[in-house]
Amino acid sequence: MEVLEEGEIDGIQYKIIATPYATVVKVKCPRCGKWGNLRKDRGKRFIIVHERSHCHFGWTRDAFEVLEKIYRRKFRIE
C-alpha cells in the first residue's frame, strides 16, 4: 500500500492510499474520531466504514461539503 496524498481539510484528516486493487480514501471520522474508509452512498450521502461500525453523512450535515472535497481529490490522483 502506497500513500499517495495525506492532509487535513477543515479539521478532517485524510489519506489517499493506492492498493493493488483500488484507490482508497481513509478519513478520521468527524463524528466518532475513528479512522475508516470514505465511500459514496446512494444519492447525496457519504458513509465512513470503520472496522465494526459505520457513520452516515447526508447533505444537511456540516461535514458533508468537506467530505465531498476529500472524496473528489481521489479522482484527481488516479
PDB file of N, CA and C in Angstrom:
ATOM      1  N   MET A   1       0.845  -1.182   0.000  1.00  0.00           N
ATOM      2  CA  MET A   1       0.000   0.000   0.000  1.00  0.00           C
ATOM      3  C   MET A   1       0.889   1.243   0.000  1.00  0.00           C
ATOM      4  N   GLU A   2       0.560   2.157  -0.876  1.00  0.00           N
ATOM      5  CA  GLU A   2       1.326   3.376  -1.034  1.00  0.00           C
ATOM      6  C   GLU A   2       0.429   4.573  -0.734  1.00  0.00           C
ATOM      7  N   VAL A   3       0.894   5.448   0.143  1.00  0.00           N
ATOM      8  CA  VAL A   3       0.136   6.659   0.459  1.00  0.00           C
ATOM      9  C   VAL A   3       0.410   7.681  -0.643  1.00  0.00           C
ATOM     10  N   LEU A   4      -0.633   8.040  -1.391  1.00  0.00           N
ATOM     11  CA  LEU A   4      -0.495   8.981  -2.495  1.00  0.00           C
ATOM     12  C   LEU A   4      -0.592  10.429  -2.024  1.00  0.00           C
ATOM     13  N   GLU A   5      -1.457  10.660  -1.058  1.00  0.00           N
ATOM     14  CA  GLU A   5      -1.640  12.018  -0.536  1.00  0.00           C
ATOM     15  C   GLU A   5      -2.118  11.924   0.906  1.00  0.00           C
ATOM     16  N   GLU A   6      -1.694  12.884   1.689  1.00  0.00           N
ATOM     17  CA  GLU A   6      -2.059  12.915   3.103  1.00  0.00           C
ATOM     18  C   GLU A   6      -2.265  14.371   3.479  1.00  0.00           C
ATOM     19  N   GLY A   7      -3.285  14.665   4.255  1.00  0.00           N
ATOM     20  CA  GLY A   7      -3.510  16.055   4.629  1.00  0.00           C
ATOM     21  C   GLY A   7      -4.691  16.240   5.554  1.00  0.00           C
ATOM     22  N   GLU A   8      -5.106  17.505   5.665  1.00  0.00           N
ATOM     23  CA  GLU A   8      -6.229  17.869   6.531  1.00  0.00           C
ATOM     24  C   GLU A   8      -6.970  19.033   5.880  1.00  0.00           C
ATOM     25  N   ILE A   9      -8.280  18.916   5.781  1.00  0.00           N
ATOM     26  CA  ILE A   9      -9.117  19.988   5.249  1.00  0.00           C
ATOM     27  C   ILE A   9     -10.183  20.299   6.295  1.00  0.00           C
ATOM     28  N   ASP A  10     -10.204  21.527   6.752  1.00  0.00           N
ATOM     29  CA  ASP A  10     -11.177  21.996   7.761  1.00  0.00           C
ATOM     30  C   ASP A  10     -11.278  21.065   8.965  1.00  0.00           C
ATOM     31  N   GLY A  11     -10.136  20.583   9.444  1.00  0.00           N
ATOM     32  CA  GLY A  11     -10.107  19.756  10.648  1.00  0.00           C
ATOM     33  C   GLY A  11     -10.331  18.273  10.430  1.00  0.00           C
ATOM     34  N   ILE A  12     -10.570  17.830   9.200  1.00  0.00           N
ATOM     35  CA  ILE A  12     -10.765  16.405   8.927  1.00  0.00           C
ATOM     36  C   ILE A  12      -9.504  15.862   8.258  1.00  0.00           C
ATOM     37  N   GLN A  13      -8.839  14.945   8.942  1.00  0.00           N
ATOM     38  CA  GLN A  13      -7.620  14.341   8.411  1.00  0.00           C
ATOM     39  C   GLN A  13      -7.979  13.265   7.399  1.00  0.00           C
ATOM     40  N   TYR A  14      -7.147  13.133   6.362  1.00  0.00           N
ATOM     41  CA  TYR A  14      -7.403  12.121   5.344  1.00  0.00           C
ATOM     42  C   TYR A  14      -6.109  11.573   4.764  1.00  0.00           C
ATOM     43  N   LYS A  15      -6.199  10.381   4.184  1.00  0.00           N
ATOM     44  CA  LYS A  15      -5.108   9.757   3.448  1.00  0.00           C
ATOM     45  C   LYS A  15      -5.700   9.104   2.213  1.00  0.00           C
ATOM     46  N   ILE A  16      -5.055   9.293   1.075  1.00  0.00           N
ATOM     47  CA  ILE A  16      -5.470   8.610  -0.148  1.00  0.00           C
ATOM     48  C   ILE A  16      -4.418   7.554  -0.412  1.00  0.00           C
ATOM     49  N   ILE A  17      -4.858   6.286  -0.426  1.00  0.00           N
ATOM     50  CA  ILE A  17      -3.945   5.145  -0.472  1.00  0.00           C
ATOM     51  C   ILE A  17      -4.209   4.321  -1.725  1.00  0.00           C
ATOM     52  N   ALA A  18      -3.128   3.943  -2.407  1.00  0.00           N
ATOM     53  CA  ALA A  18      -3.240   3.063  -3.574  1.00  0.00           C
ATOM     54  C   ALA A  18      -2.983   1.637  -3.117  1.00  0.00           C
ATOM     55  N   THR A  19      -3.960   0.768  -3.323  1.00  0.00           N
ATOM     56  CA  THR A  19      -3.802  -0.658  -3.056  1.00  0.00           C
ATOM     57  C   THR A  19      -3.687  -1.357  -4.407  1.00  0.00           C
ATOM     58  N   PRO A  20      -3.343  -2.626  -4.437  1.00  0.00           N
ATOM     59  CA  PRO A  20      -3.255  -3.319  -5.724  1.00  0.00           C
ATOM     60  C   PRO A  20      -4.578  -3.367  -6.488  1.00  0.00           C
ATOM     61  N   TYR A  21      -5.691  -3.209  -5.792  1.00  0.00           N
ATOM     62  CA  TYR A  21      -6.999  -3.361  -6.427  1.00  0.00           C
ATOM     63  C   TYR A  21      -7.748  -2.054  -6.649  1.00  0.00           C
ATOM     64  N   ALA A  22      -7.525  -1.053  -5.807  1.00  0.00           N
ATOM     65  CA  ALA A  22      -8.290   0.192  -5.908  1.00  0.00           C
ATOM     66  C   ALA A  22      -7.573   1.317  -5.175  1.00  0.00           C
ATOM     67  N   THR A  23      -8.039   2.526  -5.387  1.00  0.00           N
ATOM     68  CA  THR A  23      -7.579   3.679  -4.629  1.00  0.00           C
ATOM     69  C   THR A  23      -8.597   3.926  -3.518  1.00  0.00           C
ATOM     70  N   VAL A  24      -8.107   4.007  -2.288  1.00  0.00           N
ATOM     71  CA  VAL A  24      -8.971   4.092  -1.111  1.00  0.00           C
ATOM     72  C   VAL A  24      -8.745   5.429  -0.411  1.00  0.00           C
ATOM     73  N   VAL A  25      -9.831   6.021   0.081  1.00  0.00           N
ATOM     74  CA  VAL A  25      -9.745   7.253   0.870  1.00  0.00           C
ATOM     75  C   VAL A  25     -10.023   6.899   2.318  1.00  0.00           C
ATOM     76  N   LYS A  26      -9.036   7.118   3.180  1.00  0.00           N
ATOM     77  CA  LYS A  26      -9.200   6.905   4.619  1.00  0.00           C
ATOM     78  C   LYS A  26      -9.342   8.264   5.275  1.00  0.00           C
ATOM     79  N   VAL A  27     -10.327   8.410   6.148  1.00  0.00           N
ATOM     80  CA  VAL A  27     -10.543   9.673   6.858  1.00  0.00           C
ATOM     81  C   VAL A  27     -10.745   9.413   8.344  1.00  0.00           C
ATOM     82  N   LYS A  28     -10.428  10.431   9.124  1.00  0.00           N
ATOM     83  CA  LYS A  28     -10.732  10.382  10.552  1.00  0.00           C
ATOM     84  C   LYS A  28     -12.131  10.948  10.702  1.00  0.00           C
ATOM     85  N   CYS A  29     -13.036  10.131  11.176  1.00  0.00           N
ATOM     86  CA  CYS A  29     -14.459  10.467  11.230  1.00  0.00           C
ATOM     87  C   CYS A  29     -14.702  11.706  12.101  1.00  0.00           C
ATOM     88  N   PRO A  30     -15.392  12.713  11.548  1.00  0.00           N
ATOM     89  CA  PRO A  30     -15.687  13.910  12.349  1.00  0.00           C
ATOM     90  C   PRO A  30     -16.707  13.651  13.454  1.00  0.00           C
ATOM     91  N   ARG A  31     -17.447  12.563  13.372  1.00  0.00           N
ATOM     92  CA  ARG A  31     -18.461  12.264  14.384  1.00  0.00           C
ATOM     93  C   ARG A  31     -17.872  11.478  15.557  1.00  0.00           C
ATOM     94  N   CYS A  32     -17.177  10.358  15.266  1.00  0.00           N
ATOM     95  CA  CYS A  32     -16.715   9.490  16.361  1.00  0.00           C
ATOM     96  C   CYS A  32     -15.199   9.484  16.556  1.00  0.00           C
ATOM     97  N   GLY A  33     -14.433  10.022  15.601  1.00  0.00           N
ATOM     98  CA  GLY A  33     -12.987  10.120  15.762  1.00  0.00           C
ATOM     99  C   GLY A  33     -12.206   8.898  15.333  1.00  0.00           C
ATOM    100  N   LYS A  34     -12.877   7.862  14.819  1.00  0.00           N
ATOM    101  CA  LYS A  34     -12.181   6.655  14.361  1.00  0.00           C
ATOM    102  C   LYS A  34     -11.790   6.816  12.896  1.00  0.00           C
ATOM    103  N   TRP A  35     -10.725   6.117  12.485  1.00  0.00           N
ATOM    104  CA  TRP A  35     -10.335   6.095  11.084  1.00  0.00           C
ATOM    105  C   TRP A  35     -11.195   5.089  10.332  1.00  0.00           C
ATOM    106  N   GLY A  36     -11.536   5.410   9.088  1.00  0.00           N
ATOM    107  CA  GLY A  36     -12.338   4.500   8.281  1.00  0.00           C
ATOM    108  C   GLY A  36     -12.275   4.854   6.810  1.00  0.00           C
ATOM    109  N   ASN A  37     -12.858   3.994   5.972  1.00  0.00           N
ATOM    110  CA  ASN A  37     -12.901   4.210   4.530  1.00  0.00           C
ATOM    111  C   ASN A  37     -14.072   5.108   4.174  1.00  0.00           C
ATOM    112  N   LEU A  38     -13.815   6.127   3.367  1.00  0.00           N
ATOM    113  CA  LEU A  38     -14.865   7.032   2.906  1.00  0.00           C
ATOM    114  C   LEU A  38     -15.466   6.466   1.628  1.00  0.00           C
ATOM    115  N   ARG A  39     -16.764   6.257   1.646  1.00  0.00           N
ATOM    116  CA  ARG A  39     -17.473   5.712   0.484  1.00  0.00           C
ATOM    117  C   ARG A  39     -18.666   6.591   0.153  1.00  0.00           C
ATOM    118  N   LYS A  40     -18.986   6.647  -1.120  1.00  0.00           N
ATOM    119  CA  LYS A  40     -20.164   7.382  -1.584  1.00  0.00           C
ATOM    120  C   LYS A  40     -21.338   6.419  -1.511  1.00  0.00           C
ATOM    121  N   ASP A  41     -22.434   6.876  -0.955  1.00  0.00           N
ATOM    122  CA  ASP A  41     -23.638   6.065  -0.856  1.00  0.00           C
ATOM    123  C   ASP A  41     -24.633   6.538  -1.906  1.00  0.00           C
ATOM    124  N   ARG A  42     -25.773   5.918  -1.952  1.00  0.00           N
ATOM    125  CA  ARG A  42     -26.820   6.311  -2.906  1.00  0.00           C
ATOM    126  C   ARG A  42     -27.167   7.783  -2.756  1.00  0.00           C
ATOM    127  N   GLY A  43     -27.247   8.486  -3.873  1.00  0.00           N
ATOM    128  CA  GLY A  43     -27.627   9.891  -3.828  1.00  0.00           C
ATOM    129  C   GLY A  43     -26.546  10.754  -3.229  1.00  0.00           C
ATOM    130  N   LYS A  44     -26.969  11.767  -2.498  1.00  0.00           N
ATOM    131  CA  LYS A  44     -26.026  12.702  -1.894  1.00  0.00           C
ATOM    132  C   LYS A  44     -25.778  12.294  -0.446  1.00  0.00           C
ATOM    133  N   ARG A  45     -24.951  11.284  -0.275  1.00  0.00           N
ATOM    134  CA  ARG A  45     -24.664  10.793   1.059  1.00  0.00           C
ATOM    135  C   ARG A  45     -23.302  10.110   1.079  1.00  0.00           C
ATOM    136  N   PHE A  46     -22.598  10.206   2.183  1.00  0.00           N
ATOM    137  CA  PHE A  46     -21.331   9.512   2.356  1.00  0.00           C
ATOM    138  C   PHE A  46     -21.435   8.586   3.559  1.00  0.00           C
ATOM    139  N   ILE A  47     -20.660   7.500   3.497  1.00  0.00           N
ATOM    140  CA  ILE A  47     -20.542   6.574   4.621  1.00  0.00           C
ATOM    141  C   ILE A  47     -19.063   6.458   4.955  1.00  0.00           C
ATOM    142  N   ILE A  48     -18.751   6.504   6.234  1.00  0.00           N
ATOM    143  CA  ILE A  48     -17.401   6.187   6.687  1.00  0.00           C
ATOM    144  C   ILE A  48     -17.499   4.827   7.358  1.00  0.00           C
ATOM    145  N   VAL A  49     -16.857   3.839   6.750  1.00  0.00           N
ATOM    146  CA  VAL A  49     -16.926   2.460   7.231  1.00  0.00           C
ATOM    147  C   VAL A  49     -15.717   2.202   8.128  1.00  0.00           C
ATOM    148  N   HIS A  50     -16.008   1.935   9.408  1.00  0.00           N
ATOM    149  CA  HIS A  50     -14.968   1.605  10.381  1.00  0.00           C
ATOM    150  C   HIS A  50     -14.842   0.078  10.445  1.00  0.00           C
ATOM    151  N   GLU A  51     -14.007  -0.414  11.341  1.00  0.00           N
ATOM    152  CA  GLU A  51     -13.826  -1.866  11.453  1.00  0.00           C
ATOM    153  C   GLU A  51     -15.128  -2.596  11.735  1.00  0.00           C
ATOM    154  N   ARG A  52     -15.882  -2.114  12.713  1.00  0.00           N
ATOM    155  CA  ARG A  52     -17.108  -2.825  13.100  1.00  0.00           C
ATOM    156  C   ARG A  52     -18.362  -1.967  13.087  1.00  0.00           C
ATOM    157  N   SER A  53     -18.236  -0.769  12.584  1.00  0.00           N
ATOM    158  CA  SER A  53     -19.397   0.126  12.554  1.00  0.00           C
ATOM    159  C   SER A  53     -19.264   1.080  11.368  1.00  0.00           C
ATOM    160  N   HIS A  54     -20.227   1.981  11.231  1.00  0.00           N
ATOM    161  CA  HIS A  54     -20.157   2.980  10.170  1.00  0.00           C
ATOM    162  C   HIS A  54     -20.949   4.220  10.590  1.00  0.00           C
ATOM    163  N   CYS A  55     -20.592   5.356   9.987  1.00  0.00           N
ATOM    164  CA  CYS A  55     -21.279   6.619  10.243  1.00  0.00           C
ATOM    165  C   CYS A  55     -21.770   7.184   8.915  1.00  0.00           C
ATOM    166  N   HIS A  56     -22.997   7.693   8.896  1.00  0.00           N
ATOM    167  CA  HIS A  56     -23.601   8.267   7.691  1.00  0.00           C
ATOM    168  C   HIS A  56     -23.544   9.788   7.755  1.00  0.00           C
ATOM    169  N   PHE A  57     -23.321  10.409   6.593  1.00  0.00           N
ATOM    170  CA  PHE A  57     -23.318  11.867   6.496  1.00  0.00           C
ATOM    171  C   PHE A  57     -24.139  12.270   5.279  1.00  0.00           C
ATOM    172  N   GLY A  58     -25.293  12.856   5.518  1.00  0.00           N
ATOM    173  CA  GLY A  58     -26.144  13.351   4.445  1.00  0.00           C
ATOM    174  C   GLY A  58     -25.773  14.775   4.078  1.00  0.00           C
ATOM    175  N   TRP A  59     -26.414  15.298   3.050  1.00  0.00           N
ATOM    176  CA  TRP A  59     -26.068  16.630   2.548  1.00  0.00           C
ATOM    177  C   TRP A  59     -26.408  17.749   3.515  1.00  0.00           C
ATOM    178  N   THR A  60     -27.189  17.474   4.544  1.00  0.00           N
ATOM    179  CA  THR A  60     -27.528  18.514   5.520  1.00  0.00           C
ATOM    180  C   THR A  60     -26.489  18.634   6.630  1.00  0.00           C
ATOM    181  N   ARG A  61     -25.593  17.701   6.732  1.00  0.00           N
ATOM    182  CA  ARG A  61     -24.559  17.736   7.772  1.00  0.00           C
ATOM    183  C   ARG A  61     -23.500  18.781   7.460  1.00  0.00           C
ATOM    184  N   ASP A  62     -22.901  19.354   8.494  1.00  0.00           N
ATOM    185  CA  ASP A  62     -21.844  20.354   8.308  1.00  0.00           C
ATOM    186  C   ASP A  62     -20.621  19.758   7.613  1.00  0.00           C
ATOM    187  N   ALA A  63     -20.287  18.525   7.925  1.00  0.00           N
ATOM    188  CA  ALA A  63     -19.076  17.893   7.387  1.00  0.00           C
ATOM    189  C   ALA A  63     -19.249  17.400   5.954  1.00  0.00           C
ATOM    190  N   PHE A  64     -20.460  17.438   5.413  1.00  0.00           N
ATOM    191  CA  PHE A  64     -20.710  16.876   4.078  1.00  0.00           C
ATOM    192  C   PHE A  64     -19.848  17.529   3.001  1.00  0.00           C
ATOM    193  N   GLU A  65     -19.788  18.858   2.982  1.00  0.00           N
ATOM    194  CA  GLU A  65     -19.027  19.559   1.948  1.00  0.00           C
ATOM    195  C   GLU A  65     -17.544  19.233   2.017  1.00  0.00           C
ATOM    196  N   VAL A  66     -17.014  19.107   3.218  1.00  0.00           N
ATOM    197  CA  VAL A  66     -15.596  18.773   3.378  1.00  0.00           C
ATOM    198  C   VAL A  66     -15.338  17.348   2.905  1.00  0.00           C
ATOM    199  N   LEU A  67     -16.216  16.410   3.269  1.00  0.00           N
ATOM    200  CA  LEU A  67     -16.063  15.028   2.828  1.00  0.00           C
ATOM    201  C   LEU A  67     -16.151  14.934   1.303  1.00  0.00           C
ATOM    202  N   GLU A  68     -17.003  15.753   0.702  1.00  0.00           N
ATOM    203  CA  GLU A  68     -17.119  15.752  -0.757  1.00  0.00           C
ATOM    204  C   GLU A  68     -15.823  16.249  -1.405  1.00  0.00           C
ATOM    205  N   LYS A  69     -15.206  17.286  -0.843  1.00  0.00           N
ATOM    206  CA  LYS A  69     -13.920  17.782  -1.353  1.00  0.00           C
ATOM    207  C   LYS A  69     -12.852  16.700  -1.272  1.00  0.00           C
ATOM    208  N   ILE A  70     -12.800  16.012  -0.140  1.00  0.00           N
ATOM    209  CA  ILE A  70     -11.809  14.957   0.049  1.00  0.00           C
ATOM    210  C   ILE A  70     -12.057  13.815  -0.928  1.00  0.00           C
ATOM    211  N   TYR A  71     -13.305  13.422  -1.095  1.00  0.00           N
ATOM    212  CA  TYR A  71     -13.647  12.320  -1.998  1.00  0.00           C
ATOM    213  C   TYR A  71     -13.257  12.658  -3.443  1.00  0.00           C
ATOM    214  N   ARG A  72     -13.461  13.893  -3.858  1.00  0.00           N
ATOM    215  CA  ARG A  72     -13.121  14.296  -5.227  1.00  0.00           C
ATOM    216  C   ARG A  72     -11.625  14.314  -5.474  1.00  0.00           C
ATOM    217  N   ARG A  73     -10.823  14.523  -4.428  1.00  0.00           N
ATOM    218  CA  ARG A  73      -9.361  14.514  -4.579  1.00  0.00           C
ATOM    219  C   ARG A  73      -8.872  13.139  -5.045  1.00  0.00           C
ATOM    220  N   LYS A  74      -9.592  12.096  -4.690  1.00  0.00           N
ATOM    221  CA  LYS A  74      -9.238  10.736  -5.099  1.00  0.00           C
ATOM    222  C   LYS A  74      -9.168  10.637  -6.612  1.00  0.00           C
ATOM    223  N   PHE A  75     -10.082  11.288  -7.333  1.00  0.00           N
ATOM    224  CA  PHE A  75     -10.147  11.181  -8.773  1.00  0.00           C
ATOM    225  C   PHE A  75      -9.124  12.061  -9.488  1.00  0.00           C
ATOM    226  N   ARG A  76      -8.608  13.064  -8.806  1.00  0.00           N
ATOM    227  CA  ARG A  76      -7.554  13.902  -9.400  1.00  0.00           C
ATOM    228  C   ARG A  76      -6.226  13.159  -9.435  1.00  0.00           C
ATOM    229  N   ILE A  77      -6.048  12.213  -8.523  1.00  0.00           N
ATOM    230  CA  ILE A  77      -4.776  11.489  -8.427  1.00  0.00           C
ATOM    231  C   ILE A  77      -4.717  10.318  -9.400  1.00  0.00           C
ATOM    232  N   GLU A  78      -5.834   9.607  -9.566  1.00  0.00           N
ATOM    233  CA  GLU A  78      -5.838   8.386 -10.379  1.00  0.00           C
ATOM    234  C   GLU A  78      -5.398   8.629 -11.800  1.00  0.00           C
TER     235      GLU A  78
END
